[in-house]
Every structure is written in structure tokens, then in C-alpha cells.
Protein backbone atom coordinates (compact mmCIF):
# COMPACT_ATOMS: atom_id res chain seq x y z
CA MET A 1 -21.14 -9.40 7.71
CA ARG A 2 -19.16 -8.55 10.73
CA LEU A 3 -15.70 -9.25 12.07
CA ASN A 4 -15.20 -10.67 15.25
CA ALA A 5 -13.25 -9.20 18.41
CA PRO A 6 -9.92 -10.98 17.36
CA GLN A 7 -10.37 -10.00 13.75
CA LEU A 8 -10.90 -6.28 14.50
CA ARG A 9 -8.20 -6.40 17.06
CA ALA A 10 -5.72 -7.61 14.23
CA VAL A 11 -6.69 -5.07 11.89
CA ASN A 12 -6.22 -2.53 14.33
CA ARG A 13 -2.87 -3.53 15.21
CA VAL A 14 -1.96 -3.51 11.75
CA ILE A 15 -3.13 -0.04 11.04
CA LEU A 16 -1.27 1.15 14.07
CA GLY A 17 1.83 -0.54 12.97
CA LEU A 18 1.66 1.21 9.36
CA TYR A 19 1.74 4.66 11.14
CA GLU A 20 4.47 3.73 13.56
CA ASP A 21 7.23 1.89 11.17
CA VAL A 22 10.01 3.67 9.91
CA ALA A 23 9.89 3.84 6.32
CA GLY A 24 12.09 4.83 3.43
CA PRO A 25 10.56 6.56 0.26
CA GLU A 26 8.00 3.71 -0.34
CA PRO A 27 8.19 1.13 2.52
CA LEU A 28 6.90 -1.76 0.71
CA GLU A 29 8.81 -4.44 2.71
CA PRO A 30 7.29 -3.32 6.11
CA LEU A 31 4.04 -2.89 4.39
CA VAL A 32 4.35 -6.59 3.11
CA ASP A 33 5.34 -7.74 6.50
CA LEU A 34 2.27 -6.23 8.09
CA ILE A 35 -0.23 -7.40 5.63
CA GLU A 36 1.27 -10.91 5.82
CA SER A 37 0.93 -10.70 9.74
CA LEU A 38 -2.85 -10.06 9.00
CA LEU A 39 -3.48 -12.91 6.53
CA PRO A 40 -0.56 -15.22 6.17
CA VAL A 41 -0.31 -16.61 2.78
CA PRO A 42 1.89 -18.82 0.96
CA TRP A 43 2.82 -16.23 -1.80
CA ILE A 44 2.77 -12.35 -2.14
CA SER A 45 3.41 -10.14 -5.21
CA VAL A 46 3.71 -6.34 -5.29
CA ASP A 47 3.56 -4.91 -8.79
CA GLU A 48 3.21 -1.55 -10.11
CA VAL A 49 1.47 -0.36 -13.46
CA ASN A 50 2.37 2.93 -15.06
CA LEU A 51 -0.87 4.64 -15.86
CA THR A 52 0.57 6.52 -18.70
CA THR A 53 2.65 3.88 -20.43
CA GLY A 54 0.75 0.71 -19.20
CA ALA A 55 4.20 -0.52 -18.37
CA VAL A 56 4.35 -3.35 -15.42
CA THR A 57 7.00 -3.58 -12.85
CA HIS A 58 7.69 -6.18 -10.29
CA ARG A 59 8.38 -4.39 -6.97
CA THR A 60 8.74 -6.87 -4.46
CA GLY A 61 7.33 -10.08 -3.05
CA ARG A 62 7.50 -13.27 -0.82
CA ARG A 63 8.44 -16.78 -2.03
CA LEU A 64 8.21 -16.10 -5.67
CA ASP A 65 11.45 -18.26 -6.50
CA ARG A 66 9.44 -20.73 -8.31
CA LEU A 67 8.11 -18.19 -10.87
CA PRO A 68 10.48 -18.23 -14.12
CA GLU A 69 10.75 -15.00 -15.97
CA LEU A 70 8.81 -13.12 -13.76
CA GLN A 71 9.37 -9.47 -14.99
CA GLU A 72 8.80 -10.63 -18.74
CA ASN A 73 5.52 -12.58 -17.89
CA LEU A 74 3.87 -9.96 -15.84
CA SER A 75 4.43 -7.57 -18.76
CA ARG A 76 3.06 -10.12 -21.17
CA PHE A 77 0.19 -11.53 -19.08
CA LEU A 78 -0.55 -9.67 -16.05
CA HIS A 79 -3.72 -8.13 -17.89
CA GLU A 80 -5.39 -11.51 -18.18
CA ASN A 81 -5.95 -11.33 -14.53
CA PRO A 82 -9.29 -10.44 -14.03
CA ILE A 83 -8.59 -8.21 -11.27
CA VAL A 84 -6.18 -6.35 -13.25
CA ALA A 85 -8.49 -6.14 -16.02
CA TYR A 86 -11.13 -4.63 -13.94
CA ALA A 87 -8.90 -2.02 -12.56
CA MET A 88 -7.75 -1.26 -16.23
CA GLN A 89 -11.42 -0.42 -17.01
CA GLY A 90 -11.09 2.53 -14.52
CA LYS A 91 -12.94 0.79 -11.82
CA PHE A 92 -11.98 0.72 -8.21
CA ALA A 93 -12.71 -1.60 -5.08
CA PRO A 94 -10.50 -1.44 -1.94
CA ALA A 95 -9.88 -5.33 -2.14
CA LEU A 96 -10.82 -7.93 -4.60
CA ARG A 97 -10.51 -11.60 -5.25
CA ILE A 98 -10.04 -13.51 -8.54
CA SER A 99 -12.80 -16.00 -7.32
CA ASP A 100 -15.49 -13.44 -7.68
CA PHE A 101 -14.72 -12.97 -11.17
CA THR A 102 -14.28 -16.39 -12.58
CA SER A 103 -13.95 -20.26 -12.20
CA LEU A 104 -10.79 -21.91 -11.38
CA ARG A 105 -11.37 -23.78 -14.55
CA GLU A 106 -11.90 -20.67 -16.57
CA ILE A 107 -8.79 -18.87 -15.07
CA LYS A 108 -6.73 -22.06 -15.89
CA GLN A 109 -7.19 -21.23 -19.42
CA THR A 110 -5.26 -17.79 -19.39
CA GLY A 111 -1.65 -17.02 -19.65
CA PHE A 112 -1.59 -15.59 -16.50
CA TYR A 113 -2.25 -18.88 -14.68
CA GLN A 114 -0.11 -20.87 -17.30
CA THR A 115 2.91 -18.73 -16.69
CA MET A 116 2.63 -17.65 -13.18
CA ALA A 117 -0.30 -19.14 -10.89
CA ARG A 118 0.21 -22.67 -11.94
CA HIS A 119 3.73 -22.64 -10.63
CA PHE A 120 2.23 -22.35 -6.89
CA SER A 121 1.46 -25.44 -5.40
CA ASN A 122 -2.50 -26.16 -5.59
CA TRP A 123 -2.98 -22.50 -6.11
CA ARG A 124 -6.59 -21.47 -5.71
CA ASP A 125 -7.50 -17.96 -5.44
CA GLN A 126 -5.94 -14.26 -5.24
CA ALA A 127 -6.99 -11.40 -3.06
CA ALA A 128 -5.31 -8.07 -4.21
CA VAL A 129 -5.39 -4.74 -2.55
CA PRO A 130 -4.85 -1.76 -5.02
CA VAL A 131 -3.14 1.35 -4.24
CA ARG A 132 -3.65 4.42 -6.29
CA LEU A 133 -0.56 6.80 -6.51
CA GLU A 134 0.89 9.47 -8.27
CA GLY A 135 0.76 8.54 -12.15
CA LYS A 136 0.53 4.59 -11.09
CA SER A 137 -1.27 2.20 -9.52
CA LEU A 138 0.22 -0.53 -7.34
CA GLY A 139 -1.21 -3.96 -6.28
CA PHE A 140 -0.51 -6.24 -3.41
CA ALA A 141 -1.72 -9.63 -4.64
CA LEU A 142 -2.09 -12.36 -1.79
CA ASN A 143 -2.02 -15.90 -3.06
CA ARG A 144 -2.97 -19.14 -1.74
CA ASP A 145 -4.47 -22.71 -2.24
CA LYS A 146 -7.94 -21.96 -0.78
CA LYS A 147 -10.70 -19.28 -1.37
CA PHE A 148 -10.62 -15.98 0.63
CA SER A 149 -13.37 -15.60 2.98
CA ASP A 150 -15.68 -12.46 2.97
CA GLU A 151 -14.43 -11.69 6.36
CA GLU A 152 -10.90 -11.54 4.83
CA ILE A 153 -11.69 -9.48 2.35
CA LEU A 154 -13.37 -6.99 4.60
CA MET A 155 -10.31 -6.97 6.64
CA LEU A 156 -8.39 -5.90 3.42
CA GLU A 157 -11.00 -3.33 2.90
CA LEU A 158 -10.52 -1.76 6.06
CA LEU A 159 -6.72 -1.70 5.63
CA GLN A 160 -6.64 -0.32 1.99
CA PRO A 161 -7.13 3.53 2.98
CA HIS A 162 -4.27 3.43 5.48
CA ILE A 163 -1.90 1.68 2.92
CA GLU A 164 -2.78 4.14 0.40
CA ARG A 165 -2.44 6.91 2.74
CA VAL A 166 0.96 6.04 3.96
CA LEU A 167 2.46 5.38 0.42
CA ARG A 168 0.88 8.76 -0.66
CA ARG A 169 2.94 10.49 2.27
CA ALA A 170 5.88 8.73 1.27
CA THR A 171 5.80 9.90 -2.44
CA ARG A 172 4.84 13.14 -1.61
CA TYR A 173 7.71 13.91 0.74
CA LEU A 174 10.23 11.71 -1.44
CA SER A 175 12.39 15.03 -2.18
CA LEU A 176 12.15 16.45 1.04
CA PRO A 177 15.84 17.22 2.16
CA THR A 178 16.05 15.30 5.63
CA GLU A 179 18.90 14.11 7.47
CA SER A 180 17.35 10.86 7.96
CA PRO A 181 14.33 9.18 6.70
CA LEU A 182 10.78 10.46 8.07
CA THR A 183 8.49 8.00 9.51
CA ALA A 184 5.00 7.32 8.33
CA ARG A 185 3.56 8.87 11.50
CA GLU A 186 5.95 12.07 10.96
CA ARG A 187 4.91 12.29 7.52
CA GLU A 188 1.17 12.03 8.68
CA VAL A 189 1.77 15.01 11.45
CA LEU A 190 3.47 16.92 8.71
CA HIS A 191 0.49 16.80 6.39
CA TRP A 192 -2.04 17.85 8.70
CA LEU A 193 0.48 20.73 9.96
CA SER A 194 0.67 21.96 6.21
CA GLU A 195 -3.22 21.75 6.29
CA GLY A 196 -3.35 24.32 9.16
CA LYS A 197 -4.41 22.12 11.77
CA ARG A 198 -3.51 22.61 15.36
CA ASP A 199 -1.56 20.41 17.74
CA SER A 200 -4.68 19.41 19.35
CA GLU A 201 -6.65 18.88 16.33
CA ILE A 202 -3.90 16.41 14.79
CA ALA A 203 -3.85 14.54 18.04
CA VAL A 204 -7.70 13.87 17.72
CA ILE A 205 -7.09 13.11 14.01
CA LEU A 206 -4.50 10.63 14.79
CA GLY A 207 -5.67 9.13 18.05
CA ILE A 208 -2.48 10.24 19.94
CA SER A 209 -1.64 12.60 22.74
CA VAL A 210 -0.94 16.55 22.11
CA ARG A 211 2.36 15.66 23.82
CA THR A 212 3.24 12.86 21.15
CA VAL A 213 2.28 15.44 18.50
CA GLU A 214 4.60 17.92 19.81
CA GLN A 215 7.43 15.36 20.04
CA HIS A 216 6.90 14.44 16.36
CA VAL A 217 6.99 17.92 15.39
CA ARG A 218 10.38 18.74 17.03
CA VAL A 219 11.88 15.53 15.43
CA CYS A 220 10.48 16.57 11.93
CA LEU A 221 12.06 20.13 12.44
CA ARG A 222 15.28 18.56 13.39
CA LYS A 223 15.49 16.14 10.45
CA LEU A 224 14.41 19.06 8.08
CA GLY A 225 17.08 21.10 9.32
CA VAL A 226 14.79 24.14 10.00
CA GLU A 227 14.13 26.20 13.03
CA ASN A 228 10.40 26.39 13.22
CA ARG A 229 6.87 25.29 11.76
CA ALA A 230 6.95 28.18 8.93
CA GLY A 231 10.32 26.57 7.72
CA ALA A 232 8.91 23.39 7.58
CA MET A 233 5.92 24.54 6.00
CA ALA A 234 7.94 26.22 3.24
CA ALA A 235 9.74 22.99 2.50
CA ILE A 236 6.60 20.85 2.26
CA TRP A 237 5.07 23.28 -0.02
CA ARG A 238 8.11 23.29 -2.38
CA THR A 239 7.91 19.66 -2.47
CA ARG A 240 4.22 19.62 -3.30
CA CYS A 241 4.62 22.00 -6.20
CA SER A 242 7.42 19.91 -7.63
CA VAL A 243 5.44 16.75 -7.69
CA PRO A 244 3.10 16.39 -10.98
CA ARG A 245 -0.14 15.26 -9.87
CA SER A 246 -1.41 12.48 -12.19
CA VAL A 247 -4.38 11.07 -10.16
């Protein structure tokens, strides 16, 4: 299975957007916008599962106003979604669709369908992109009235590691004392600096010029309120040591 040229260009555009967008601690809103620009769907839900307690939290979404008691029903019935059940078994795939697990007739018998999916007009399938974070799992669920194609799932598979990377960077640098939020690209540059990479190496890894890397470094130093790279590395390592590693 291969993607055609327009599909590849679309995936590349979204990946570049992930690293260029200004982001807060967890940039869910711009991430949802980018995913929706790749695969426009009527309904999107982003939900979080605490890996320790199993608690479910709805984080954000698009056009979910039809769903009654969304948070309560997610907590009660999300585990009946076959994609979630698959993940709860400790299994992982970068992108999944409900239609690979069960028939529409079978899914209609579940509480997940009766309390949530049936409120979407002519709902037929869901594709999900799971993201593994510190102590939790985040799922981007795309819902629509027809099945997702193999090519569409492949596009989401290509996107998944970049979504995960951006969100992990956001979480890792959440407690960094900055005068203004670091962009996703700035967090990426700081990560590779902390791994001992030179500017020329970072430029190759990120596919940007050395001058652009140097510009990002200067902005990062200013935002962190430090005079040199050693000061930035000290701030980063203090932050890393303070974050519990659950995954």
C-alpha cells in the first residue's frame, strides 16, 4: 500500500506544522486543528486515561455538543470501545479503526454506541491515534459516517510518532521557568542540545539550516532567562529530574 503524491504532501505539511506551531503546555487545540486539516471529519474527541487509576478525562474535541453527559458516559462506557479495550490489554498500534475489530451490528449493542456514537448522524466508523505520555495515554478519536480507508490509516500512522514527540516535549518542559511559552520547535532544539548534539547535527536531524538552529537557541536562552547554553542545560536537567517517569 502506498500513498499518492498529494497525500504525502499533506502528511508532510501537517508534520511541519506540528513543529512550527506555538504551543502551550499541551498543545491539544492546534494539534486537533492540524489532524482535522489532514482528515476532515464531522466529530473529534480527545480523551485521556490515567494509567495508574484508570480514570478517564475528556480533554477537548470538535462538534460534540450532541453528546449528553459526555464525561460521565466516557467514564462508564469508553472501555467498551474496541480500540480502548485493545490498548488496555497493553497492546499498541500507531493508528486503529473500529471497523477492523468488529461489525457495525456488534458495536451497536455496546454502551459506547448507545450513549455516545449513536448521537452522531449516521455514525459508521472511528479511527484513533493513541499517544503514550508520562503516566497516561491520550487518544485522538476521529468519527464519521463511512469507513476509514487503508491509505487514511497509513497517513495517521505516519503522523503518530510526531504527535507523540511534540506532546512529550511539552510535558517534559512544562515546569521550565520561561518568560513566554516555548514553541514545539524550540522544545525540539532544546532536547537535542541536552543530548549533546552540535548545531550542525541538530540541523540535519530536524531538516533545517544551522542558522535557523542558532536563532532558535538564542530565543530559547532569552525565554529561559539564562546567558549561555550551560545555563539552559542546567534548567532542562532540573526539570527532567523533577518529572516522574511512569512510561
